[in-house]
Amino acid sequence: MAPAVPSPSAVNAQPGAEGSQAATRPAANEDGGISTLRAAEIVLAGMLVAIVAAIVLEAAVRRRRTA
């Protein structure tokens, strides 16, 4: 049986491997700004909060009308 030779990606994933510091460094295109995906996530979260608030407000108005 031949000895198992780890793949280069497995070697880099091991702690203390030569390429492990490069994996923790941010990419060159990450300048600390907000990504488009993060901006879309914030907008969608805001819309969800607005919808829930509208539902609660409508329920309160309906309850007041029937009382």
N, C-alpha and C. Protein backbone atom coordinates (compact mmCIF):
# COMPACT_ATOMS: atom_id res chain seq x y z
N MET A 1 0.85 -1.18 0.00
CA MET A 1 0.00 0.00 0.00
C MET A 1 0.89 1.24 0.00
N ALA A 2 0.59 2.18 -0.87
CA ALA A 2 1.39 3.40 -1.00
C ALA A 2 1.07 4.35 0.14
N PRO A 3 2.07 5.12 0.59
CA PRO A 3 1.80 6.09 1.66
C PRO A 3 0.89 7.21 1.15
N ALA A 4 0.03 7.69 2.03
CA ALA A 4 -0.91 8.76 1.66
C ALA A 4 -0.16 10.08 1.62
N VAL A 5 -0.29 10.77 0.49
CA VAL A 5 0.34 12.08 0.34
C VAL A 5 -0.77 13.12 0.41
N PRO A 6 -0.69 14.05 1.36
CA PRO A 6 -1.76 15.06 1.47
C PRO A 6 -1.75 15.99 0.27
N SER A 7 -2.94 16.43 -0.11
CA SER A 7 -3.05 17.37 -1.22
C SER A 7 -2.53 18.74 -0.78
N PRO A 8 -2.16 19.60 -1.73
CA PRO A 8 -1.67 20.93 -1.35
C PRO A 8 -2.69 21.74 -0.55
N SER A 9 -3.98 21.59 -0.87
CA SER A 9 -4.99 22.34 -0.12
C SER A 9 -5.09 21.83 1.31
N ALA A 10 -4.90 20.53 1.52
CA ALA A 10 -4.94 19.98 2.87
C ALA A 10 -3.74 20.43 3.68
N VAL A 11 -2.60 20.56 3.02
CA VAL A 11 -1.40 21.04 3.71
C VAL A 11 -1.59 22.49 4.14
N ASN A 12 -2.19 23.30 3.28
CA ASN A 12 -2.41 24.72 3.60
C ASN A 12 -3.46 24.89 4.68
N ALA A 13 -4.35 23.93 4.83
CA ALA A 13 -5.41 24.05 5.83
C ALA A 13 -4.92 23.68 7.22
N GLN A 14 -3.78 23.01 7.32
CA GLN A 14 -3.26 22.60 8.62
C GLN A 14 -2.70 23.80 9.37
N PRO A 15 -2.89 23.86 10.70
CA PRO A 15 -2.33 24.97 11.47
C PRO A 15 -0.81 24.97 11.36
N GLY A 16 -0.25 26.13 11.19
CA GLY A 16 1.19 26.26 11.09
C GLY A 16 1.72 26.00 9.70
N ALA A 17 0.86 25.75 8.75
CA ALA A 17 1.31 25.50 7.38
C ALA A 17 1.82 26.80 6.78
N GLU A 18 2.61 26.67 5.74
CA GLU A 18 3.23 27.85 5.14
C GLU A 18 2.22 28.84 4.60
N GLY A 19 1.13 28.38 4.01
CA GLY A 19 0.17 29.29 3.39
C GLY A 19 -0.95 29.72 4.30
N SER A 20 -0.92 29.35 5.56
CA SER A 20 -2.05 29.65 6.44
C SER A 20 -2.18 31.14 6.72
N GLN A 21 -1.09 31.88 6.71
CA GLN A 21 -1.18 33.32 6.98
C GLN A 21 -1.83 34.04 5.81
N ALA A 22 -1.64 33.54 4.61
CA ALA A 22 -2.27 34.15 3.44
C ALA A 22 -3.78 33.97 3.49
N ALA A 23 -4.25 32.89 4.08
CA ALA A 23 -5.68 32.63 4.15
C ALA A 23 -6.37 33.58 5.12
N THR A 24 -5.67 34.09 6.12
CA THR A 24 -6.29 34.99 7.08
C THR A 24 -6.18 36.45 6.67
N ARG A 25 -5.36 36.74 5.70
CA ARG A 25 -5.22 38.10 5.22
C ARG A 25 -6.39 38.49 4.34
N PRO A 26 -6.91 39.71 4.41
CA PRO A 26 -8.00 40.11 3.52
C PRO A 26 -7.52 40.19 2.08
N ALA A 27 -8.42 39.98 1.17
CA ALA A 27 -8.08 40.07 -0.25
C ALA A 27 -7.74 41.50 -0.61
N ALA A 28 -7.06 41.67 -1.73
CA ALA A 28 -6.62 43.00 -2.14
C ALA A 28 -7.80 43.91 -2.46
N ASN A 29 -8.93 43.34 -2.88
CA ASN A 29 -10.08 44.17 -3.24
C ASN A 29 -10.96 44.52 -2.05
N GLU A 30 -10.64 44.05 -0.86
CA GLU A 30 -11.40 44.39 0.34
C GLU A 30 -10.78 45.63 0.98
N ASP A 31 -11.38 46.77 0.72
CA ASP A 31 -10.82 48.02 1.22
C ASP A 31 -11.55 48.53 2.46
N GLY A 32 -12.32 47.68 3.08
CA GLY A 32 -13.04 48.09 4.28
C GLY A 32 -14.40 48.69 3.99
N GLY A 33 -14.76 48.84 2.72
CA GLY A 33 -16.06 49.39 2.35
C GLY A 33 -17.15 48.35 2.50
N ILE A 34 -18.39 48.77 2.30
CA ILE A 34 -19.53 47.87 2.42
C ILE A 34 -19.76 47.20 1.06
N SER A 35 -20.01 45.91 1.08
CA SER A 35 -20.24 45.19 -0.16
C SER A 35 -21.69 45.37 -0.61
N THR A 36 -21.92 45.09 -1.87
CA THR A 36 -23.27 45.20 -2.42
C THR A 36 -24.20 44.21 -1.74
N LEU A 37 -23.71 43.02 -1.46
CA LEU A 37 -24.52 42.02 -0.79
C LEU A 37 -24.91 42.47 0.61
N ARG A 38 -23.99 43.08 1.32
CA ARG A 38 -24.28 43.58 2.68
C ARG A 38 -25.30 44.72 2.61
N ALA A 39 -25.17 45.59 1.61
CA ALA A 39 -26.12 46.69 1.46
C ALA A 39 -27.52 46.14 1.17
N ALA A 40 -27.61 45.13 0.31
CA ALA A 40 -28.90 44.52 0.01
C ALA A 40 -29.49 43.85 1.25
N GLU A 41 -28.64 43.24 2.06
CA GLU A 41 -29.10 42.60 3.29
C GLU A 41 -29.69 43.64 4.25
N ILE A 42 -29.05 44.79 4.35
CA ILE A 42 -29.54 45.86 5.23
C ILE A 42 -30.88 46.40 4.73
N VAL A 43 -31.00 46.59 3.42
CA VAL A 43 -32.25 47.08 2.84
C VAL A 43 -33.38 46.08 3.08
N LEU A 44 -33.11 44.80 2.84
CA LEU A 44 -34.15 43.79 3.05
C LEU A 44 -34.55 43.68 4.52
N ALA A 45 -33.60 43.82 5.42
CA ALA A 45 -33.92 43.79 6.85
C ALA A 45 -34.79 44.98 7.22
N GLY A 46 -34.50 46.14 6.66
CA GLY A 46 -35.32 47.32 6.91
C GLY A 46 -36.74 47.14 6.39
N MET A 47 -36.85 46.54 5.21
CA MET A 47 -38.18 46.29 4.65
C MET A 47 -38.96 45.31 5.52
N LEU A 48 -38.29 44.30 6.04
CA LEU A 48 -38.95 43.33 6.92
C LEU A 48 -39.45 43.99 8.19
N VAL A 49 -38.65 44.86 8.77
CA VAL A 49 -39.07 45.59 9.97
C VAL A 49 -40.27 46.47 9.66
N ALA A 50 -40.26 47.14 8.51
CA ALA A 50 -41.38 48.00 8.13
C ALA A 50 -42.65 47.20 7.92
N ILE A 51 -42.54 46.03 7.31
CA ILE A 51 -43.72 45.18 7.09
C ILE A 51 -44.30 44.70 8.42
N VAL A 52 -43.43 44.25 9.32
CA VAL A 52 -43.91 43.78 10.63
C VAL A 52 -44.55 44.93 11.39
N ALA A 53 -43.96 46.13 11.33
CA ALA A 53 -44.54 47.29 12.01
C ALA A 53 -45.91 47.64 11.42
N ALA A 54 -46.05 47.54 10.11
CA ALA A 54 -47.33 47.83 9.47
C ALA A 54 -48.39 46.81 9.88
N ILE A 55 -48.01 45.55 10.00
CA ILE A 55 -48.96 44.52 10.43
C ILE A 55 -49.42 44.78 11.86
N VAL A 56 -48.49 45.12 12.73
CA VAL A 56 -48.85 45.42 14.13
C VAL A 56 -49.75 46.65 14.20
N LEU A 57 -49.42 47.68 13.44
CA LEU A 57 -50.23 48.90 13.43
C LEU A 57 -51.63 48.63 12.90
N GLU A 58 -51.72 47.85 11.82
CA GLU A 58 -53.04 47.53 11.27
C GLU A 58 -53.86 46.71 12.26
N ALA A 59 -53.24 45.79 12.96
CA ALA A 59 -53.96 44.99 13.96
C ALA A 59 -54.46 45.88 15.09
N ALA A 60 -53.66 46.86 15.49
CA ALA A 60 -54.08 47.77 16.55
C ALA A 60 -55.25 48.63 16.10
N VAL A 61 -55.22 49.08 14.86
CA VAL A 61 -56.32 49.91 14.33
C VAL A 61 -57.59 49.08 14.23
N ARG A 62 -57.48 47.86 13.75
CA ARG A 62 -58.67 47.00 13.65
C ARG A 62 -59.25 46.69 15.02
N ARG A 63 -58.39 46.47 15.99
CA ARG A 63 -58.86 46.18 17.35
C ARG A 63 -59.58 47.40 17.93
N ARG A 64 -59.06 48.59 17.63
CA ARG A 64 -59.68 49.81 18.15
C ARG A 64 -61.04 50.04 17.50
N ARG A 65 -61.18 49.72 16.21
CA ARG A 65 -62.46 49.90 15.52
C ARG A 65 -63.53 48.97 16.08
N THR A 66 -63.15 47.76 16.40
CA THR A 66 -64.13 46.79 16.89
C THR A 66 -64.47 47.00 18.36
N ALA A 67 -63.65 47.71 19.08
CA ALA A 67 -63.89 47.91 20.51
C ALA A 67 -64.88 49.02 20.77
